[in-house]
Amino acid sequence: QELYLSLGLAPIARATAAWGARKAGVVLSAVASVLQRVPAGRAWVVAGVMHSGGAAARLATVHAAARADGDWNAAEAALWCLASYAHGCGGRFLELGEERMARLLFGCLAPATPLCERLCALSALRCAAADVRSVPIV
């Protein structure tokens, strides 16, 4: 809700089943809606609101819960949101320095992982690699 208000966007009604079952689908659909509709010049607002709310860690938690529940739509949607967040706001917001996030994204590259999840993880990692603030300079 804070994202919608800070960007002056109105929530739009849409089917959420493609984004996951139950509450996960509703939340991921709302996040994706903002990420899809934010004007490029306002990405900093999204970055600020999502970062202050711990979005990367929360999306990782949603992904893990979706996988545990067998909700493959939500698992893929959580990774899509992470990749879109990194693309629009900068790879630094993925917080790859935290072992959990690195383990999630690199773990999704395993051959047994569904292709859509692998592609989203690759997209997120590509954004992180392109952002000089993602990786500490030694």
C-alpha atoms as a PDB file:
ATOM      1  CA  GLN A   1       0.000   0.000   0.000  1.00  0.00           C
ATOM      2  CA  GLU A   2       2.852   2.385   0.830  1.00  0.00           C
ATOM      3  CA  LEU A   3       4.286   1.907  -2.654  1.00  0.00           C
ATOM      4  CA  TYR A   4       1.002   2.783  -4.301  1.00  0.00           C
ATOM      5  CA  LEU A   5       0.610   5.914  -2.190  1.00  0.00           C
ATOM      6  CA  SER A   6       4.181   7.147  -2.628  1.00  0.00           C
ATOM      7  CA  LEU A   7       3.964   6.769  -6.410  1.00  0.00           C
ATOM      8  CA  GLY A   8       0.420   8.047  -6.811  1.00  0.00           C
ATOM      9  CA  LEU A   9      -0.662   4.776  -8.394  1.00  0.00           C
ATOM     10  CA  ALA A  10      -4.106   3.329  -7.972  1.00  0.00           C
ATOM     11  CA  PRO A  11      -4.342  -0.399  -7.249  1.00  0.00           C
ATOM     12  CA  ILE A  12      -5.885  -2.274 -10.142  1.00  0.00           C
ATOM     13  CA  ALA A  13      -8.053  -5.332  -9.804  1.00  0.00           C
ATOM     14  CA  ARG A  14      -6.567  -8.355 -11.495  1.00  0.00           C
ATOM     15  CA  ALA A  15      -6.512 -12.112 -11.150  1.00  0.00           C
ATOM     16  CA  THR A  16      -3.804 -13.218  -8.740  1.00  0.00           C
ATOM     17  CA  ALA A  17      -3.755 -17.008  -9.228  1.00  0.00           C
ATOM     18  CA  ALA A  18      -0.937 -16.781 -11.771  1.00  0.00           C
ATOM     19  CA  TRP A  19       1.194 -15.128  -9.076  1.00  0.00           C
ATOM     20  CA  GLY A  20       0.571 -17.841  -6.480  1.00  0.00           C
ATOM     21  CA  ALA A  21      -2.081 -19.297  -4.232  1.00  0.00           C
ATOM     22  CA  ARG A  22      -3.884 -17.439  -1.472  1.00  0.00           C
ATOM     23  CA  LYS A  23      -2.155 -14.512   0.233  1.00  0.00           C
ATOM     24  CA  ALA A  24       1.181 -15.066  -1.528  1.00  0.00           C
ATOM     25  CA  GLY A  25      -0.488 -14.542  -4.895  1.00  0.00           C
ATOM     26  CA  VAL A  26      -2.192 -11.352  -3.758  1.00  0.00           C
ATOM     27  CA  VAL A  27       0.998  -9.878  -2.302  1.00  0.00           C
ATOM     28  CA  LEU A  28       3.218 -10.874  -5.233  1.00  0.00           C
ATOM     29  CA  SER A  29       0.655  -9.585  -7.711  1.00  0.00           C
ATOM     30  CA  ALA A  30       0.538  -6.207  -5.937  1.00  0.00           C
ATOM     31  CA  VAL A  31       4.344  -5.916  -5.812  1.00  0.00           C
ATOM     32  CA  ALA A  32       4.621  -6.930  -9.468  1.00  0.00           C
ATOM     33  CA  SER A  33       1.966  -4.392 -10.425  1.00  0.00           C
ATOM     34  CA  VAL A  34       4.001  -1.580  -8.903  1.00  0.00           C
ATOM     35  CA  LEU A  35       7.260  -2.838 -10.414  1.00  0.00           C
ATOM     36  CA  GLN A  36       5.641  -3.022 -13.849  1.00  0.00           C
ATOM     37  CA  ARG A  37       4.041   0.421 -13.687  1.00  0.00           C
ATOM     38  CA  VAL A  38       6.626   2.610 -11.948  1.00  0.00           C
ATOM     39  CA  PRO A  39       7.987   5.383 -14.167  1.00  0.00           C
ATOM     40  CA  ALA A  40      11.760   5.019 -14.664  1.00  0.00           C
ATOM     41  CA  GLY A  41      12.411   8.381 -13.033  1.00  0.00           C
ATOM     42  CA  ARG A  42      10.659   7.246  -9.860  1.00  0.00           C
ATOM     43  CA  ALA A  43      12.547   3.974  -9.363  1.00  0.00           C
ATOM     44  CA  TRP A  44      14.381   5.580  -6.439  1.00  0.00           C
ATOM     45  CA  VAL A  45      11.054   5.847  -4.574  1.00  0.00           C
ATOM     46  CA  VAL A  46      10.418   2.134  -5.055  1.00  0.00           C
ATOM     47  CA  ALA A  47      13.985   1.356  -4.014  1.00  0.00           C
ATOM     48  CA  GLY A  48      13.635   3.383  -0.827  1.00  0.00           C
ATOM     49  CA  VAL A  49      10.278   1.986   0.219  1.00  0.00           C
ATOM     50  CA  MET A  50      11.128  -1.614  -0.645  1.00  0.00           C
ATOM     51  CA  HIS A  51      14.596  -1.481   0.919  1.00  0.00           C
ATOM     52  CA  SER A  52      13.312   0.050   4.154  1.00  0.00           C
ATOM     53  CA  GLY A  53      10.727  -2.726   4.316  1.00  0.00           C
ATOM     54  CA  GLY A  54      13.320  -5.469   3.790  1.00  0.00           C
ATOM     55  CA  ALA A  55      11.821  -6.480   0.455  1.00  0.00           C
ATOM     56  CA  ALA A  56      14.664  -8.693  -0.749  1.00  0.00           C
ATOM     57  CA  ALA A  57      14.682 -10.795   2.409  1.00  0.00           C
ATOM     58  CA  ARG A  58      10.885 -10.980   2.467  1.00  0.00           C
ATOM     59  CA  LEU A  59      10.721 -12.084  -1.161  1.00  0.00           C
ATOM     60  CA  ALA A  60      13.315 -14.766  -0.372  1.00  0.00           C
ATOM     61  CA  THR A  61      11.112 -15.922   2.513  1.00  0.00           C
ATOM     62  CA  VAL A  62       8.046 -16.032   0.236  1.00  0.00           C
ATOM     63  CA  HIS A  63      10.057 -18.063  -2.281  1.00  0.00           C
ATOM     64  CA  ALA A  64      11.138 -20.576   0.361  1.00  0.00           C
ATOM     65  CA  ALA A  65       7.593 -20.917   1.731  1.00  0.00           C
ATOM     66  CA  ALA A  66       6.168 -21.325  -1.774  1.00  0.00           C
ATOM     67  CA  ARG A  67       8.671 -24.042  -2.580  1.00  0.00           C
ATOM     68  CA  ALA A  68       7.844 -25.831   0.692  1.00  0.00           C
ATOM     69  CA  ASP A  69       4.114 -25.627  -0.126  1.00  0.00           C
ATOM     70  CA  GLY A  70       4.610 -26.748  -3.723  1.00  0.00           C
ATOM     71  CA  ASP A  71       3.256 -23.430  -5.003  1.00  0.00           C
ATOM     72  CA  TRP A  72       5.438 -23.174  -8.108  1.00  0.00           C
ATOM     73  CA  ASN A  73       3.634 -20.061  -9.361  1.00  0.00           C
ATOM     74  CA  ALA A  74       4.491 -18.152  -6.195  1.00  0.00           C
ATOM     75  CA  ALA A  75       8.083 -19.443  -6.206  1.00  0.00           C
ATOM     76  CA  GLU A  76       8.574 -18.194  -9.756  1.00  0.00           C
ATOM     77  CA  ALA A  77       6.737 -14.931  -9.033  1.00  0.00           C
ATOM     78  CA  ALA A  78       8.935 -14.184  -6.017  1.00  0.00           C
ATOM     79  CA  LEU A  79      12.039 -14.605  -8.166  1.00  0.00           C
ATOM     80  CA  TRP A  80      10.475 -12.488 -10.906  1.00  0.00           C
ATOM     81  CA  CYS A  81       9.848  -9.730  -8.355  1.00  0.00           C
ATOM     82  CA  LEU A  82      13.457  -9.965  -7.130  1.00  0.00           C
ATOM     83  CA  ALA A  83      14.762  -9.728 -10.701  1.00  0.00           C
ATOM     84  CA  SER A  84      12.453  -6.837 -11.547  1.00  0.00           C
ATOM     85  CA  TYR A  85      13.388  -5.039  -8.323  1.00  0.00           C
ATOM     86  CA  ALA A  86      17.087  -5.439  -9.142  1.00  0.00           C
ATOM     87  CA  HIS A  87      16.559  -4.341 -12.734  1.00  0.00           C
ATOM     88  CA  GLY A  88      14.585  -1.224 -11.886  1.00  0.00           C
ATOM     89  CA  CYS A  89      16.318  -0.145  -8.681  1.00  0.00           C
ATOM     90  CA  GLY A  90      19.809  -1.623  -8.870  1.00  0.00           C
ATOM     91  CA  GLY A  91      21.381  -4.973  -8.138  1.00  0.00           C
ATOM     92  CA  ARG A  92      22.744  -3.650  -4.832  1.00  0.00           C
ATOM     93  CA  PHE A  93      19.275  -4.049  -3.324  1.00  0.00           C
ATOM     94  CA  LEU A  94      19.495  -7.836  -3.616  1.00  0.00           C
ATOM     95  CA  GLU A  95      21.993  -7.770  -0.751  1.00  0.00           C
ATOM     96  CA  LEU A  96      24.100 -10.592  -2.157  1.00  0.00           C
ATOM     97  CA  GLY A  97      26.511 -10.130   0.734  1.00  0.00           C
ATOM     98  CA  GLU A  98      23.949 -11.964   2.839  1.00  0.00           C
ATOM     99  CA  GLU A  99      24.573 -15.666   2.487  1.00  0.00           C
ATOM    100  CA  ARG A 100      20.866 -16.502   2.339  1.00  0.00           C
ATOM    101  CA  MET A 101      20.247 -14.399  -0.784  1.00  0.00           C
ATOM    102  CA  ALA A 102      23.368 -15.636  -2.562  1.00  0.00           C
ATOM    103  CA  ARG A 103      22.427 -19.226  -1.715  1.00  0.00           C
ATOM    104  CA  LEU A 104      18.904 -18.685  -3.053  1.00  0.00           C
ATOM    105  CA  LEU A 105      19.901 -17.144  -6.373  1.00  0.00           C
ATOM    106  CA  PHE A 106      22.871 -19.392  -7.085  1.00  0.00           C
ATOM    107  CA  GLY A 107      20.880 -22.409  -5.888  1.00  0.00           C
ATOM    108  CA  CYS A 108      18.191 -21.663  -8.463  1.00  0.00           C
ATOM    109  CA  LEU A 109      20.753 -22.235 -11.222  1.00  0.00           C
ATOM    110  CA  ALA A 110      20.704 -25.994 -10.555  1.00  0.00           C
ATOM    111  CA  PRO A 111      19.560 -28.060 -13.545  1.00  0.00           C
ATOM    112  CA  ALA A 112      16.622 -29.502 -11.558  1.00  0.00           C
ATOM    113  CA  THR A 113      15.179 -26.005 -10.999  1.00  0.00           C
ATOM    114  CA  PRO A 114      12.305 -25.096 -13.346  1.00  0.00           C
ATOM    115  CA  LEU A 115      13.529 -23.055 -16.314  1.00  0.00           C
ATOM    116  CA  CYS A 116      11.503 -19.940 -15.449  1.00  0.00           C
ATOM    117  CA  GLU A 117      13.067 -19.795 -11.987  1.00  0.00           C
ATOM    118  CA  ARG A 118      16.543 -20.259 -13.435  1.00  0.00           C
ATOM    119  CA  LEU A 119      15.982 -17.405 -15.887  1.00  0.00           C
ATOM    120  CA  CYS A 120      14.703 -15.070 -13.157  1.00  0.00           C
ATOM    121  CA  ALA A 121      17.667 -15.925 -10.927  1.00  0.00           C
ATOM    122  CA  LEU A 122      20.065 -15.294 -13.816  1.00  0.00           C
ATOM    123  CA  SER A 123      18.389 -11.977 -14.532  1.00  0.00           C
ATOM    124  CA  ALA A 124      18.713 -10.891 -10.902  1.00  0.00           C
ATOM    125  CA  LEU A 125      22.350 -11.961 -10.752  1.00  0.00           C
ATOM    126  CA  ARG A 126      23.067 -10.096 -13.983  1.00  0.00           C
ATOM    127  CA  CYS A 127      21.678  -6.906 -12.451  1.00  0.00           C
ATOM    128  CA  ALA A 128      23.815  -7.432  -9.373  1.00  0.00           C
ATOM    129  CA  ALA A 129      26.910  -7.968 -11.488  1.00  0.00           C
ATOM    130  CA  ALA A 130      26.235  -4.775 -13.448  1.00  0.00           C
ATOM    131  CA  ASP A 131      25.822  -2.633 -10.325  1.00  0.00           C
ATOM    132  CA  VAL A 132      29.221  -1.595  -8.961  1.00  0.00           C
ATOM    133  CA  ARG A 133      27.697  -1.119  -5.514  1.00  0.00           C
ATOM    134  CA  SER A 134      26.575  -4.756  -5.340  1.00  0.00           C
ATOM    135  CA  VAL A 135      29.989  -6.216  -4.740  1.00  0.00           C
ATOM    136  CA  PRO A 136      32.534  -4.730  -2.362  1.00  0.00           C
ATOM    137  CA  ILE A 137      35.616  -3.476  -4.152  1.00  0.00           C
ATOM    138  CA  VAL A 138      38.705  -5.111  -2.689  1.00  0.00           C
END
